[in-house]
Amino acid sequence: QVPSPTAWPGGCRFHPRCPFAWELCAAEPPPLFQ
C-alpha cells in the first residue's frame, strides 16, 4: 500500500513495493533523471 505521509520510507519511497529494489534504493533518494 501507499505508505503513511507521517513516515515516508527512506531512499526511494517506492522501494518497499518495487520488484527491482536493491541496497541503493533503500539508502539514497533518487533524483528525477532525464
All heavy atoms as atom14 arrays in JSON, in Angstrom:
{
  "sequence": "QVPSPTAWPGGCRFHPRCPFAWELCAAEPPPLFQ",
  "atom14_mask": [
    [1, 1, 1, 1, 1, 1, 1, 1, 1, 0, 0, 0, 0, 0],
    [1, 1, 1, 1, 1, 1, 1, 0, 0, 0, 0, 0, 0, 0],
    [1, 1, 1, 1, 1, 1, 1, 0, 0, 0, 0, 0, 0, 0],
    [1, 1, 1, 1, 1, 1, 0, 0, 0, 0, 0, 0, 0, 0],
    [1, 1, 1, 1, 1, 1, 1, 0, 0, 0, 0, 0, 0, 0],
    [1, 1, 1, 1, 1, 1, 1, 0, 0, 0, 0, 0, 0, 0],
    [1, 1, 1, 1, 1, 0, 0, 0, 0, 0, 0, 0, 0, 0],
    [1, 1, 1, 1, 1, 1, 1, 1, 1, 1, 1, 1, 1, 1],
    [1, 1, 1, 1, 1, 1, 1, 0, 0, 0, 0, 0, 0, 0],
    [1, 1, 1, 1, 0, 0, 0, 0, 0, 0, 0, 0, 0, 0],
    [1, 1, 1, 1, 0, 0, 0, 0, 0, 0, 0, 0, 0, 0],
    [1, 1, 1, 1, 1, 1, 0, 0, 0, 0, 0, 0, 0, 0],
    [1, 1, 1, 1, 1, 1, 1, 1, 1, 1, 1, 0, 0, 0],
    [1, 1, 1, 1, 1, 1, 1, 1, 1, 1, 1, 0, 0, 0],
    [1, 1, 1, 1, 1, 1, 1, 1, 1, 1, 0, 0, 0, 0],
    [1, 1, 1, 1, 1, 1, 1, 0, 0, 0, 0, 0, 0, 0],
    [1, 1, 1, 1, 1, 1, 1, 1, 1, 1, 1, 0, 0, 0],
    [1, 1, 1, 1, 1, 1, 0, 0, 0, 0, 0, 0, 0, 0],
    [1, 1, 1, 1, 1, 1, 1, 0, 0, 0, 0, 0, 0, 0],
    [1, 1, 1, 1, 1, 1, 1, 1, 1, 1, 1, 0, 0, 0],
    [1, 1, 1, 1, 1, 0, 0, 0, 0, 0, 0, 0, 0, 0],
    [1, 1, 1, 1, 1, 1, 1, 1, 1, 1, 1, 1, 1, 1],
    [1, 1, 1, 1, 1, 1, 1, 1, 1, 0, 0, 0, 0, 0],
    [1, 1, 1, 1, 1, 1, 1, 1, 0, 0, 0, 0, 0, 0],
    [1, 1, 1, 1, 1, 1, 0, 0, 0, 0, 0, 0, 0, 0],
    [1, 1, 1, 1, 1, 0, 0, 0, 0, 0, 0, 0, 0, 0],
    [1, 1, 1, 1, 1, 0, 0, 0, 0, 0, 0, 0, 0, 0],
    [1, 1, 1, 1, 1, 1, 1, 1, 1, 0, 0, 0, 0, 0],
    [1, 1, 1, 1, 1, 1, 1, 0, 0, 0, 0, 0, 0, 0],
    [1, 1, 1, 1, 1, 1, 1, 0, 0, 0, 0, 0, 0, 0],
    [1, 1, 1, 1, 1, 1, 1, 0, 0, 0, 0, 0, 0, 0],
    [1, 1, 1, 1, 1, 1, 1, 1, 0, 0, 0, 0, 0, 0],
    [1, 1, 1, 1, 1, 1, 1, 1, 1, 1, 1, 0, 0, 0],
    [1, 1, 1, 1, 1, 1, 1, 1, 1, 0, 0, 0, 0, 0]
  ],
  "atom14_positions": [
    [[0.83, -1.2, 0.0], [0.0, 0.0, 0.0], [0.87, 1.25, 0.0], [2.05, 1.2, 0.35], [-0.91, 0.02, 1.24], [-1.91, -1.13, 1.3], [-2.76, -1.08, 2.55], [-2.34, -0.54, 3.57], [-3.95, -1.64, 2.47], [0.0, 0.0, 0.0], [0.0, 0.0, 0.0], [0.0, 0.0, 0.0], [0.0, 0.0, 0.0], [0.0, 0.0, 0.0]],
    [[0.27, 2.38, -0.38], [0.97, 3.66, -0.28], [1.29, 3.89, 1.2], [0.41, 3.76, 2.06], [0.09, 4.81, -0.81], [0.8, 6.15, -0.63], [-0.23, 4.58, -2.28], [0.0, 0.0, 0.0], [0.0, 0.0, 0.0], [0.0, 0.0, 0.0], [0.0, 0.0, 0.0], [0.0, 0.0, 0.0], [0.0, 0.0, 0.0], [0.0, 0.0, 0.0]],
    [[2.55, 4.2, 1.55], [2.9, 4.4, 2.96], [2.25, 5.66, 3.54], [1.74, 6.5, 2.81], [4.43, 4.53, 2.91], [4.73, 4.99, 1.53], [3.69, 4.37, 0.65], [0.0, 0.0, 0.0], [0.0, 0.0, 0.0], [0.0, 0.0, 0.0], [0.0, 0.0, 0.0], [0.0, 0.0, 0.0], [0.0, 0.0, 0.0], [0.0, 0.0, 0.0]],
    [[2.3, 5.78, 4.85], [1.72, 6.93, 5.53], [2.58, 8.17, 5.32], [3.81, 8.1, 5.38], [1.62, 6.64, 7.04], [1.32, 7.84, 7.74], [0.0, 0.0, 0.0], [0.0, 0.0, 0.0], [0.0, 0.0, 0.0], [0.0, 0.0, 0.0], [0.0, 0.0, 0.0], [0.0, 0.0, 0.0], [0.0, 0.0, 0.0], [0.0, 0.0, 0.0]],
    [[1.96, 9.33, 5.08], [2.73, 10.56, 4.91], [3.44, 11.02, 6.18], [4.27, 11.93, 6.14], [1.69, 11.58, 4.46], [0.38, 11.04, 4.91], [0.52, 9.55, 4.85], [0.0, 0.0, 0.0], [0.0, 0.0, 0.0], [0.0, 0.0, 0.0], [0.0, 0.0, 0.0], [0.0, 0.0, 0.0], [0.0, 0.0, 0.0], [0.0, 0.0, 0.0]],
    [[3.13, 10.4, 7.32], [3.88, 10.71, 8.54], [5.17, 9.9, 8.64], [5.99, 10.16, 9.51], [3.03, 10.43, 9.79], [2.64, 9.05, 9.8], [1.79, 11.31, 9.82], [0.0, 0.0, 0.0], [0.0, 0.0, 0.0], [0.0, 0.0, 0.0], [0.0, 0.0, 0.0], [0.0, 0.0, 0.0], [0.0, 0.0, 0.0], [0.0, 0.0, 0.0]],
    [[5.34, 8.91, 7.74], [6.52, 8.05, 7.8], [6.87, 7.55, 6.41], [6.83, 6.34, 6.14], [6.27, 6.88, 8.76], [0.0, 0.0, 0.0], [0.0, 0.0, 0.0], [0.0, 0.0, 0.0], [0.0, 0.0, 0.0], [0.0, 0.0, 0.0], [0.0, 0.0, 0.0], [0.0, 0.0, 0.0], [0.0, 0.0, 0.0], [0.0, 0.0, 0.0]],
    [[7.19, 8.48, 5.49], [7.62, 8.04, 4.17], [8.89, 7.19, 4.3], [9.75, 7.49, 5.12], [7.93, 9.23, 3.27], [6.8, 10.15, 2.91], [6.81, 11.51, 2.96], [5.51, 9.81, 2.39], [5.62, 12.05, 2.53], [4.8, 11.01, 2.16], [4.88, 8.59, 2.1], [3.51, 11.04, 1.66], [3.58, 8.62, 1.6], [2.92, 9.83, 1.38]],
    [[9.03, 6.15, 3.51], [10.25, 5.33, 3.57], [11.48, 6.14, 3.18], [11.4, 7.1, 2.4], [9.99, 4.23, 2.55], [8.51, 4.21, 2.33], [8.06, 5.62, 2.54], [0.0, 0.0, 0.0], [0.0, 0.0, 0.0], [0.0, 0.0, 0.0], [0.0, 0.0, 0.0], [0.0, 0.0, 0.0], [0.0, 0.0, 0.0], [0.0, 0.0, 0.0]],
    [[12.64, 5.77, 3.73], [13.89, 6.39, 3.32], [14.29, 5.93, 1.93], [13.79, 4.93, 1.42], [0.0, 0.0, 0.0], [0.0, 0.0, 0.0], [0.0, 0.0, 0.0], [0.0, 0.0, 0.0], [0.0, 0.0, 0.0], [0.0, 0.0, 0.0], [0.0, 0.0, 0.0], [0.0, 0.0, 0.0], [0.0, 0.0, 0.0], [0.0, 0.0, 0.0]],
    [[15.22, 6.64, 1.32], [15.65, 6.3, -0.03], [14.53, 6.54, -1.02], [13.77, 7.5, -0.92], [0.0, 0.0, 0.0], [0.0, 0.0, 0.0], [0.0, 0.0, 0.0], [0.0, 0.0, 0.0], [0.0, 0.0, 0.0], [0.0, 0.0, 0.0], [0.0, 0.0, 0.0], [0.0, 0.0, 0.0], [0.0, 0.0, 0.0], [0.0, 0.0, 0.0]],
    [[14.41, 5.67, -2.01], [13.29, 5.73, -2.93], [12.03, 5.31, -2.18], [12.0, 4.23, -1.58], [13.53, 4.82, -4.12], [12.07, 4.65, -5.2], [0.0, 0.0, 0.0], [0.0, 0.0, 0.0], [0.0, 0.0, 0.0], [0.0, 0.0, 0.0], [0.0, 0.0, 0.0], [0.0, 0.0, 0.0], [0.0, 0.0, 0.0], [0.0, 0.0, 0.0]],
    [[11.0, 6.12, -2.24], [9.8, 5.83, -1.45], [9.01, 4.63, -1.98], [8.16, 4.08, -1.27], [8.92, 7.07, -1.4], [9.59, 8.2, -0.62], [8.77, 9.46, -0.54], [9.51, 10.47, 0.21], [9.1, 11.7, 0.43], [7.93, 12.1, -0.04], [9.84, 12.54, 1.13], [0.0, 0.0, 0.0], [0.0, 0.0, 0.0], [0.0, 0.0, 0.0]],
    [[9.3, 4.22, -3.2], [8.61, 3.07, -3.76], [9.35, 1.77, -3.51], [8.82, 0.68, -3.78], [8.43, 3.28, -5.28], [7.57, 2.23, -5.94], [6.26, 2.01, -5.56], [8.09, 1.45, -6.97], [5.47, 1.04, -6.17], [7.32, 0.48, -7.59], [6.0, 0.28, -7.2], [0.0, 0.0, 0.0], [0.0, 0.0, 0.0], [0.0, 0.0, 0.0]],
    [[10.56, 1.84, -2.94], [11.39, 0.63, -2.88], [10.77, -0.53, -2.09], [11.0, -1.69, -2.44], [12.81, 0.96, -2.36], [12.96, 0.94, -0.87], [12.89, 2.09, -0.1], [13.18, -0.08, 0.0], [13.06, 1.77, 1.17], [13.24, 0.48, 1.26], [0.0, 0.0, 0.0], [0.0, 0.0, 0.0], [0.0, 0.0, 0.0], [0.0, 0.0, 0.0]],
    [[9.95, -0.29, -1.03], [9.37, -1.46, -0.35], [8.4, -2.26, -1.22], [8.11, -3.42, -0.92], [8.64, -0.84, 0.84], [9.31, 0.48, 1.07], [9.64, 0.96, -0.31], [0.0, 0.0, 0.0], [0.0, 0.0, 0.0], [0.0, 0.0, 0.0], [0.0, 0.0, 0.0], [0.0, 0.0, 0.0], [0.0, 0.0, 0.0], [0.0, 0.0, 0.0]],
    [[7.9, -1.66, -2.3], [6.94, -2.34, -3.17], [7.52, -2.67, -4.54], [6.83, -3.22, -5.39], [5.7, -1.45, -3.35], [5.08, -1.0, -2.06], [3.96, 0.01, -2.31], [2.81, -0.58, -2.98], [1.78, 0.13, -3.43], [1.77, 1.45, -3.31], [0.76, -0.49, -4.01], [0.0, 0.0, 0.0], [0.0, 0.0, 0.0], [0.0, 0.0, 0.0]],
    [[8.77, -2.32, -4.76], [9.35, -2.4, -6.1], [10.04, -3.74, -6.34], [10.87, -4.17, -5.53], [10.35, -1.27, -6.31], [11.13, -1.25, -7.94], [0.0, 0.0, 0.0], [0.0, 0.0, 0.0], [0.0, 0.0, 0.0], [0.0, 0.0, 0.0], [0.0, 0.0, 0.0], [0.0, 0.0, 0.0], [0.0, 0.0, 0.0], [0.0, 0.0, 0.0]],
    [[9.77, -4.42, -7.46], [10.41, -5.71, -7.73], [11.88, -5.57, -8.12], [12.59, -6.58, -8.16], [9.59, -6.26, -8.91], [9.06, -5.06, -9.61], [8.79, -4.07, -8.51], [0.0, 0.0, 0.0], [0.0, 0.0, 0.0], [0.0, 0.0, 0.0], [0.0, 0.0, 0.0], [0.0, 0.0, 0.0], [0.0, 0.0, 0.0], [0.0, 0.0, 0.0]],
    [[12.36, -4.35, -8.41], [13.75, -4.15, -8.83], [14.64, -3.61, -7.71], [15.82, -3.4, -7.92], [13.8, -3.16, -10.0], [13.0, -3.58, -11.19], [11.79, -2.98, -11.47], [13.45, -4.58, -12.04], [11.04, -3.35, -12.57], [12.71, -4.96, -13.15], [11.5, -4.35, -13.41], [0.0, 0.0, 0.0], [0.0, 0.0, 0.0], [0.0, 0.0, 0.0]],
    [[14.1, -3.34, -6.53], [14.83, -2.61, -5.49], [16.07, -3.36, -5.02], [16.07, -4.59, -4.92], [13.9, -2.34, -4.32], [0.0, 0.0, 0.0], [0.0, 0.0, 0.0], [0.0, 0.0, 0.0], [0.0, 0.0, 0.0], [0.0, 0.0, 0.0], [0.0, 0.0, 0.0], [0.0, 0.0, 0.0], [0.0, 0.0, 0.0], [0.0, 0.0, 0.0]],
    [[17.15, -2.61, -4.74], [18.35, -3.15, -4.12], [18.85, -2.13, -3.12], [18.16, -1.15, -2.81], [19.39, -3.53, -5.18], [20.14, -2.41, -5.87], [21.38, -1.97, -5.58], [19.68, -1.6, -6.96], [21.74, -0.94, -6.43], [20.71, -0.7, -7.29], [18.49, -1.55, -7.71], [20.59, 0.25, -8.31], [18.38, -0.62, -8.73], [19.42, 0.26, -9.01]],
    [[20.06, -2.35, -2.57], [20.51, -1.56, -1.43], [20.48, -0.05, -1.68], [20.09, 0.73, -0.81], [21.94, -1.99, -1.02], [22.05, -3.37, -0.4], [22.28, -4.43, -1.47], [21.99, -4.16, -2.65], [22.74, -5.53, -1.11], [0.0, 0.0, 0.0], [0.0, 0.0, 0.0], [0.0, 0.0, 0.0], [0.0, 0.0, 0.0], [0.0, 0.0, 0.0]],
    [[20.91, 0.38, -2.86], [20.95, 1.81, -3.17], [19.57, 2.44, -3.06], [19.43, 3.58, -2.58], [21.52, 2.03, -4.57], [21.56, 3.47, -5.07], [22.48, 4.33, -4.19], [22.01, 3.53, -6.53], [0.0, 0.0, 0.0], [0.0, 0.0, 0.0], [0.0, 0.0, 0.0], [0.0, 0.0, 0.0], [0.0, 0.0, 0.0], [0.0, 0.0, 0.0]],
    [[18.54, 1.71, -3.46], [17.19, 2.24, -3.45], [16.72, 2.57, -2.03], [16.0, 3.55, -1.8], [16.22, 1.25, -4.08], [16.67, 0.77, -5.76], [0.0, 0.0, 0.0], [0.0, 0.0, 0.0], [0.0, 0.0, 0.0], [0.0, 0.0, 0.0], [0.0, 0.0, 0.0], [0.0, 0.0, 0.0], [0.0, 0.0, 0.0], [0.0, 0.0, 0.0]],
    [[17.12, 1.76, -1.07], [16.74, 2.0, 0.32], [17.63, 3.04, 0.99], [17.21, 3.68, 1.96], [16.81, 0.68, 1.1], [0.0, 0.0, 0.0], [0.0, 0.0, 0.0], [0.0, 0.0, 0.0], [0.0, 0.0, 0.0], [0.0, 0.0, 0.0], [0.0, 0.0, 0.0], [0.0, 0.0, 0.0], [0.0, 0.0, 0.0], [0.0, 0.0, 0.0]],
    [[18.83, 3.25, 0.45], [19.81, 4.12, 1.13], [19.74, 5.56, 0.67], [20.01, 6.47, 1.47], [21.22, 3.57, 0.91], [0.0, 0.0, 0.0], [0.0, 0.0, 0.0], [0.0, 0.0, 0.0], [0.0, 0.0, 0.0], [0.0, 0.0, 0.0], [0.0, 0.0, 0.0], [0.0, 0.0, 0.0], [0.0, 0.0, 0.0], [0.0, 0.0, 0.0]],
    [[19.39, 5.8, -0.59], [19.52, 7.15, -1.13], [18.34, 7.5, -2.04], [18.02, 6.73, -2.95], [20.82, 7.28, -1.92], [21.15, 8.69, -2.37], [22.51, 8.78, -3.03], [23.3, 7.81, -2.88], [22.77, 9.79, -3.69], [0.0, 0.0, 0.0], [0.0, 0.0, 0.0], [0.0, 0.0, 0.0], [0.0, 0.0, 0.0], [0.0, 0.0, 0.0]],
    [[17.69, 8.64, -1.8], [16.57, 9.01, -2.68], [17.06, 9.39, -4.06], [18.01, 10.16, -4.2], [15.94, 10.21, -1.96], [17.03, 10.77, -1.11], [17.88, 9.6, -0.71], [0.0, 0.0, 0.0], [0.0, 0.0, 0.0], [0.0, 0.0, 0.0], [0.0, 0.0, 0.0], [0.0, 0.0, 0.0], [0.0, 0.0, 0.0], [0.0, 0.0, 0.0]],
    [[16.44, 8.87, -5.11], [16.88, 9.2, -6.47], [16.37, 10.56, -6.9], [15.29, 10.99, -6.48], [16.26, 8.09, -7.32], [15.02, 7.71, -6.56], [15.35, 7.88, -5.1], [0.0, 0.0, 0.0], [0.0, 0.0, 0.0], [0.0, 0.0, 0.0], [0.0, 0.0, 0.0], [0.0, 0.0, 0.0], [0.0, 0.0, 0.0], [0.0, 0.0, 0.0]],
    [[17.11, 11.26, -7.75], [16.61, 12.49, -8.36], [15.73, 12.15, -9.55], [15.57, 10.99, -9.91], [17.89, 13.21, -8.79], [18.81, 12.08, -9.16], [18.48, 10.95, -8.19], [0.0, 0.0, 0.0], [0.0, 0.0, 0.0], [0.0, 0.0, 0.0], [0.0, 0.0, 0.0], [0.0, 0.0, 0.0], [0.0, 0.0, 0.0], [0.0, 0.0, 0.0]],
    [[15.17, 13.17, -10.18], [14.48, 12.96, -11.44], [15.51, 12.9, -12.56], [16.17, 13.9, -12.86], [13.48, 14.1, -11.7], [12.09, 13.97, -11.06], [11.33, 15.27, -11.2], [11.3, 12.82, -11.69], [0.0, 0.0, 0.0], [0.0, 0.0, 0.0], [0.0, 0.0, 0.0], [0.0, 0.0, 0.0], [0.0, 0.0, 0.0], [0.0, 0.0, 0.0]],
    [[15.68, 11.74, -13.15], [16.62, 11.58, -14.26], [15.92, 11.9, -15.58], [14.76, 11.56, -15.76], [17.14, 10.13, -14.31], [18.04, 9.76, -13.18], [17.54, 9.1, -12.06], [19.4, 10.06, -13.22], [18.37, 8.75, -11.01], [20.24, 9.7, -12.18], [19.73, 9.06, -11.06], [0.0, 0.0, 0.0], [0.0, 0.0, 0.0], [0.0, 0.0, 0.0]],
    [[16.67, 12.55, -16.46], [16.14, 12.83, -17.8], [16.33, 11.59, -18.67], [17.45, 11.13, -18.86], [16.88, 14.01, -18.42], [16.12, 14.71, -19.52], [15.0, 15.57, -18.99], [15.15, 16.23, -17.97], [13.86, 15.56, -19.67], [0.0, 0.0, 0.0], [0.0, 0.0, 0.0], [0.0, 0.0, 0.0], [0.0, 0.0, 0.0], [0.0, 0.0, 0.0]]
  ]
}
